[in-house]
Amino acid sequence: MPIDETRTFLPVRIAVLTVSDTRTLADDRSGDTLVARLTAAGHVLAAREIVRDDVDLLVETLSGWIADESIDCVITTGGTGVTGRDVTPEAFAEVCEKEIPGFGELFRWLSYRTIGTSTVQSRATAGVANGTYLFALPGSTGAVKDGWDGILATQLDSRYRPCNFVELMPRLRER
């Protein structure tokens, strides 16, 4: 699907949240990969944090960013697996008003080409809350590349045809 160069690029203000009990900004490779890709695409890094795998802390951080008018989109990396500490989808379930089920489905389809059946261990998900897009990617750099390069780079580009998430942003709060 093409980028329509006759259309104006509209930068999206994106917050990046790494979900991890062990990573710091000094060794957050997946967060760094995501930040590098989104800024290279012309988007704005609106915020960045690392939060432990804890539903309450995740909900608190997500809720704050959802309420922040200067943030259009949140992308998380980590916490989407099936272990006891992986709770990002549960936090998303608490804050999302609408789920975007096709995101997780497409992510796993793309990821299958890279890691085969291991992709079933991912609970990548997405939704919308208070006019803010929320996307949860697994915590590996490969998963971040699959999610950004295969889905988000185009869907967060206002020039992508036939349609994209950016053109829907003014209507996300409709009732």
C-alpha atoms as a PDB file:
ATOM      1  CA  MET A   1       0.000   0.000   0.000  1.00  0.00           C
ATOM      2  CA  PRO A   2       1.402   3.361  -0.968  1.00  0.00           C
ATOM      3  CA  ILE A   3       2.355   6.549   0.770  1.00  0.00           C
ATOM      4  CA  ASP A   4       0.610   9.417  -0.990  1.00  0.00           C
ATOM      5  CA  GLU A   5       3.328  12.074  -1.239  1.00  0.00           C
ATOM      6  CA  THR A   6       0.725  14.696  -2.179  1.00  0.00           C
ATOM      7  CA  ARG A   7      -0.695  14.507   1.353  1.00  0.00           C
ATOM      8  CA  THR A   8       0.798  16.337   4.334  1.00  0.00           C
ATOM      9  CA  PHE A   9       2.693  14.331   6.938  1.00  0.00           C
ATOM     10  CA  LEU A  10       1.263  14.957  10.422  1.00  0.00           C
ATOM     11  CA  PRO A  11       3.624  14.026  13.255  1.00  0.00           C
ATOM     12  CA  VAL A  12       2.069  11.993  16.059  1.00  0.00           C
ATOM     13  CA  ARG A  13       3.061  12.681  19.679  1.00  0.00           C
ATOM     14  CA  ILE A  14       4.020   9.251  21.002  1.00  0.00           C
ATOM     15  CA  ALA A  15       4.819   8.126  24.547  1.00  0.00           C
ATOM     16  CA  VAL A  16       6.990   5.015  24.926  1.00  0.00           C
ATOM     17  CA  LEU A  17       6.580   2.790  27.965  1.00  0.00           C
ATOM     18  CA  THR A  18       8.917  -0.122  28.621  1.00  0.00           C
ATOM     19  CA  VAL A  19       7.429  -2.709  30.958  1.00  0.00           C
ATOM     20  CA  SER A  20      10.199  -4.547  32.793  1.00  0.00           C
ATOM     21  CA  ASP A  21      11.378  -5.544  36.248  1.00  0.00           C
ATOM     22  CA  THR A  22      15.027  -5.458  35.172  1.00  0.00           C
ATOM     23  CA  ARG A  23      15.664  -2.868  32.456  1.00  0.00           C
ATOM     24  CA  THR A  24      16.907   0.670  32.912  1.00  0.00           C
ATOM     25  CA  LEU A  25      17.264   3.485  30.385  1.00  0.00           C
ATOM     26  CA  ALA A  26      20.917   2.449  30.050  1.00  0.00           C
ATOM     27  CA  ASP A  27      20.052  -1.036  28.735  1.00  0.00           C
ATOM     28  CA  ASP A  28      16.535  -0.669  27.300  1.00  0.00           C
ATOM     29  CA  ARG A  29      17.325  -1.828  23.759  1.00  0.00           C
ATOM     30  CA  SER A  30      13.719  -2.369  22.689  1.00  0.00           C
ATOM     31  CA  GLY A  31      12.676   1.061  23.969  1.00  0.00           C
ATOM     32  CA  ASP A  32      15.689   2.620  22.233  1.00  0.00           C
ATOM     33  CA  THR A  33      14.780   0.832  18.996  1.00  0.00           C
ATOM     34  CA  LEU A  34      11.225   2.109  19.164  1.00  0.00           C
ATOM     35  CA  VAL A  35      12.307   5.690  19.936  1.00  0.00           C
ATOM     36  CA  ALA A  36      14.835   5.643  17.077  1.00  0.00           C
ATOM     37  CA  ARG A  37      12.234   4.422  14.600  1.00  0.00           C
ATOM     38  CA  LEU A  38       9.459   6.798  15.587  1.00  0.00           C
ATOM     39  CA  THR A  39      11.707   9.867  15.621  1.00  0.00           C
ATOM     40  CA  ALA A  40      13.345   8.888  12.305  1.00  0.00           C
ATOM     41  CA  ALA A  41       9.826   8.723  10.834  1.00  0.00           C
ATOM     42  CA  GLY A  42       9.228  12.333  11.933  1.00  0.00           C
ATOM     43  CA  HIS A  43       7.057  11.714  14.985  1.00  0.00           C
ATOM     44  CA  VAL A  44       7.531  13.380  18.374  1.00  0.00           C
ATOM     45  CA  LEU A  45       8.662  11.477  21.469  1.00  0.00           C
ATOM     46  CA  ALA A  46       6.170  12.916  23.972  1.00  0.00           C
ATOM     47  CA  ALA A  47       7.291  10.898  27.015  1.00  0.00           C
ATOM     48  CA  ARG A  48       9.306   7.833  27.945  1.00  0.00           C
ATOM     49  CA  GLU A  49       9.311   5.706  31.085  1.00  0.00           C
ATOM     50  CA  ILE A  50      10.155   2.268  32.393  1.00  0.00           C
ATOM     51  CA  VAL A  51       7.632   0.693  34.754  1.00  0.00           C
ATOM     52  CA  ARG A  52       7.748  -2.637  36.595  1.00  0.00           C
ATOM     53  CA  ASP A  53       5.443  -5.484  35.603  1.00  0.00           C
ATOM     54  CA  ASP A  54       2.672  -4.410  37.968  1.00  0.00           C
ATOM     55  CA  VAL A  55      -0.931  -3.864  36.844  1.00  0.00           C
ATOM     56  CA  ASP A  56      -1.571  -0.969  39.233  1.00  0.00           C
ATOM     57  CA  LEU A  57       1.602   0.896  38.200  1.00  0.00           C
ATOM     58  CA  LEU A  58       0.857   0.312  34.530  1.00  0.00           C
ATOM     59  CA  VAL A  59      -2.739   1.498  34.862  1.00  0.00           C
ATOM     60  CA  GLU A  60      -1.559   4.592  36.744  1.00  0.00           C
ATOM     61  CA  THR A  61       1.031   5.478  34.072  1.00  0.00           C
ATOM     62  CA  LEU A  62      -1.286   4.706  31.155  1.00  0.00           C
ATOM     63  CA  SER A  63      -4.146   6.667  32.738  1.00  0.00           C
ATOM     64  CA  GLY A  64      -1.906   9.698  33.216  1.00  0.00           C
ATOM     65  CA  TRP A  65      -0.782   9.618  29.605  1.00  0.00           C
ATOM     66  CA  ILE A  66      -4.325   8.997  28.345  1.00  0.00           C
ATOM     67  CA  ALA A  67      -5.452  12.122  30.211  1.00  0.00           C
ATOM     68  CA  ASP A  68      -2.534  14.177  28.853  1.00  0.00           C
ATOM     69  CA  GLU A  69      -3.708  16.219  25.851  1.00  0.00           C
ATOM     70  CA  SER A  70      -0.107  16.430  24.574  1.00  0.00           C
ATOM     71  CA  ILE A  71       0.028  12.642  23.965  1.00  0.00           C
ATOM     72  CA  ASP A  72      -1.738  11.136  20.947  1.00  0.00           C
ATOM     73  CA  CYS A  73      -0.457   7.579  21.214  1.00  0.00           C
ATOM     74  CA  VAL A  74       1.210   5.243  23.697  1.00  0.00           C
ATOM     75  CA  ILE A  75       3.354   2.318  22.598  1.00  0.00           C
ATOM     76  CA  THR A  76       4.470  -0.168  25.222  1.00  0.00           C
ATOM     77  CA  THR A  77       7.151  -2.804  24.908  1.00  0.00           C
ATOM     78  CA  GLY A  78       7.241  -5.772  27.253  1.00  0.00           C
ATOM     79  CA  GLY A  79       4.898  -7.636  29.545  1.00  0.00           C
ATOM     80  CA  THR A  80       2.829  -9.293  26.802  1.00  0.00           C
ATOM     81  CA  GLY A  81       3.899 -12.894  27.397  1.00  0.00           C
ATOM     82  CA  VAL A  82       2.167 -15.625  29.347  1.00  0.00           C
ATOM     83  CA  THR A  83       4.203 -15.747  32.563  1.00  0.00           C
ATOM     84  CA  GLY A  84       2.814 -14.639  35.898  1.00  0.00           C
ATOM     85  CA  ARG A  85       4.627 -11.274  35.746  1.00  0.00           C
ATOM     86  CA  ASP A  86       3.384 -10.438  32.203  1.00  0.00           C
ATOM     87  CA  VAL A  87       0.439  -8.121  32.872  1.00  0.00           C
ATOM     88  CA  THR A  88       0.445  -5.474  30.134  1.00  0.00           C
ATOM     89  CA  PRO A  89      -2.716  -6.819  28.401  1.00  0.00           C
ATOM     90  CA  GLU A  90      -4.508  -6.866  31.758  1.00  0.00           C
ATOM     91  CA  ALA A  91      -3.581  -3.206  32.321  1.00  0.00           C
ATOM     92  CA  PHE A  92      -4.761  -2.351  28.811  1.00  0.00           C
ATOM     93  CA  ALA A  93      -8.062  -4.110  29.528  1.00  0.00           C
ATOM     94  CA  GLU A  94      -8.578  -1.803  32.514  1.00  0.00           C
ATOM     95  CA  VAL A  95      -8.010   1.434  30.603  1.00  0.00           C
ATOM     96  CA  CYS A  96      -9.158   0.800  27.013  1.00  0.00           C
ATOM     97  CA  GLU A  97     -12.600   1.929  25.905  1.00  0.00           C
ATOM     98  CA  LYS A  98     -12.329   0.110  22.576  1.00  0.00           C
ATOM     99  CA  GLU A  99     -10.125  -2.779  21.576  1.00  0.00           C
ATOM    100  CA  ILE A 100      -8.399  -2.943  18.180  1.00  0.00           C
ATOM    101  CA  PRO A 101      -8.277  -6.757  17.804  1.00  0.00           C
ATOM    102  CA  GLY A 102      -6.763  -6.713  14.309  1.00  0.00           C
ATOM    103  CA  PHE A 103      -3.534  -5.243  15.676  1.00  0.00           C
ATOM    104  CA  GLY A 104      -2.633  -8.322  17.736  1.00  0.00           C
ATOM    105  CA  GLU A 105      -3.745 -10.645  14.976  1.00  0.00           C
ATOM    106  CA  LEU A 106      -1.656  -8.864  12.347  1.00  0.00           C
ATOM    107  CA  PHE A 107       1.317  -8.598  14.704  1.00  0.00           C
ATOM    108  CA  ARG A 108       1.332 -12.358  15.298  1.00  0.00           C
ATOM    109  CA  TRP A 109       0.985 -13.035  11.561  1.00  0.00           C
ATOM    110  CA  LEU A 110       3.988 -10.792  10.834  1.00  0.00           C
ATOM    111  CA  SER A 111       5.949 -12.220  13.749  1.00  0.00           C
ATOM    112  CA  TYR A 112       5.313 -15.772  12.545  1.00  0.00           C
ATOM    113  CA  ARG A 113       7.552 -15.059   9.545  1.00  0.00           C
ATOM    114  CA  THR A 114      10.407 -14.247  11.933  1.00  0.00           C
ATOM    115  CA  ILE A 115       9.990 -16.596  14.906  1.00  0.00           C
ATOM    116  CA  GLY A 116       7.550 -19.245  13.697  1.00  0.00           C
ATOM    117  CA  THR A 117       5.084 -20.754  16.107  1.00  0.00           C
ATOM    118  CA  SER A 118       6.733 -19.016  19.079  1.00  0.00           C
ATOM    119  CA  THR A 119       4.552 -16.049  18.145  1.00  0.00           C
ATOM    120  CA  VAL A 120       1.600 -17.686  19.932  1.00  0.00           C
ATOM    121  CA  GLN A 121       3.291 -16.721  23.205  1.00  0.00           C
ATOM    122  CA  SER A 122       2.679 -13.039  22.440  1.00  0.00           C
ATOM    123  CA  ARG A 123      -0.416 -11.254  23.672  1.00  0.00           C
ATOM    124  CA  ALA A 124       0.261  -8.075  21.668  1.00  0.00           C
ATOM    125  CA  THR A 125      -2.835  -5.907  21.823  1.00  0.00           C
ATOM    126  CA  ALA A 126      -4.161  -2.446  21.067  1.00  0.00           C
ATOM    127  CA  GLY A 127      -7.015  -0.148  21.896  1.00  0.00           C
ATOM    128  CA  VAL A 128      -8.269   3.397  22.262  1.00  0.00           C
ATOM    129  CA  ALA A 129      -8.974   5.368  25.446  1.00  0.00           C
ATOM    130  CA  ASN A 130     -10.061   9.009  25.705  1.00  0.00           C
ATOM    131  CA  GLY A 131      -8.914   9.668  22.138  1.00  0.00           C
ATOM    132  CA  THR A 132      -5.473   8.117  22.685  1.00  0.00           C
ATOM    133  CA  TYR A 133      -4.199   5.107  20.759  1.00  0.00           C
ATOM    134  CA  LEU A 134      -2.589   2.355  22.853  1.00  0.00           C
ATOM    135  CA  PHE A 135      -0.372  -0.353  21.335  1.00  0.00           C
ATOM    136  CA  ALA A 136       1.312  -3.141  23.331  1.00  0.00           C
ATOM    137  CA  LEU A 137       4.305  -4.887  21.753  1.00  0.00           C
ATOM    138  CA  PRO A 138       6.438  -7.676  23.191  1.00  0.00           C
ATOM    139  CA  GLY A 139       9.734  -6.688  24.805  1.00  0.00           C
ATOM    140  CA  SER A 140      12.277  -7.949  22.270  1.00  0.00           C
ATOM    141  CA  THR A 141      13.927  -5.692  19.716  1.00  0.00           C
ATOM    142  CA  GLY A 142      12.745  -8.062  16.987  1.00  0.00           C
ATOM    143  CA  ALA A 143       9.146  -7.701  18.128  1.00  0.00           C
ATOM    144  CA  VAL A 144       9.472  -3.921  18.225  1.00  0.00           C
ATOM    145  CA  LYS A 145      10.844  -3.958  14.676  1.00  0.00           C
ATOM    146  CA  ASP A 146       8.029  -6.265  13.495  1.00  0.00           C
ATOM    147  CA  GLY A 147       5.368  -4.097  15.134  1.00  0.00           C
ATOM    148  CA  TRP A 148       6.750  -0.739  14.045  1.00  0.00           C
ATOM    149  CA  ASP A 149       7.989  -1.644  10.575  1.00  0.00           C
ATOM    150  CA  GLY A 150       5.089  -3.944   9.720  1.00  0.00           C
ATOM    151  CA  ILE A 151       2.138  -2.022  11.160  1.00  0.00           C
ATOM    152  CA  LEU A 152       2.714   1.213  13.027  1.00  0.00           C
ATOM    153  CA  ALA A 153       5.066   2.969  10.579  1.00  0.00           C
ATOM    154  CA  THR A 154       2.296   3.085   7.996  1.00  0.00           C
ATOM    155  CA  GLN A 155      -0.784   3.275  10.211  1.00  0.00           C
ATOM    156  CA  LEU A 156       0.700   6.262  12.075  1.00  0.00           C
ATOM    157  CA  ASP A 157       1.583   7.994   8.784  1.00  0.00           C
ATOM    158  CA  SER A 158      -1.143  10.414   7.678  1.00  0.00           C
ATOM    159  CA  ARG A 159      -0.124   9.890   4.043  1.00  0.00           C
ATOM    160  CA  TYR A 160      -0.754   6.133   4.003  1.00  0.00           C
ATOM    161  CA  ARG A 161      -3.558   5.052   1.687  1.00  0.00           C
ATOM    162  CA  PRO A 162      -6.244   3.827   1.617  1.00  0.00           C
ATOM    163  CA  CYS A 163      -6.615   4.760   5.286  1.00  0.00           C
ATOM    164  CA  ASN A 164      -4.638   5.206   8.505  1.00  0.00           C
ATOM    165  CA  PHE A 165      -5.082   5.746  12.241  1.00  0.00           C
ATOM    166  CA  VAL A 166      -3.997   9.399  12.068  1.00  0.00           C
ATOM    167  CA  GLU A 167      -6.935  10.513   9.943  1.00  0.00           C
ATOM    168  CA  LEU A 168      -9.298   9.038  12.558  1.00  0.00           C
ATOM    169  CA  MET A 169      -7.737  10.899  15.499  1.00  0.00           C
ATOM    170  CA  PRO A 170     -10.111  13.914  15.354  1.00  0.00           C
ATOM    171  CA  ARG A 171     -13.073  11.530  15.612  1.00  0.00           C
ATOM    172  CA  LEU A 172     -11.869   9.208  18.405  1.00  0.00           C
ATOM    173  CA  ARG A 173     -13.827  11.051  21.109  1.00  0.00           C
ATOM    174  CA  GLU A 174     -17.131  11.106  19.234  1.00  0.00           C
ATOM    175  CA  ARG A 175     -20.179   9.894  21.112  1.00  0.00           C
END
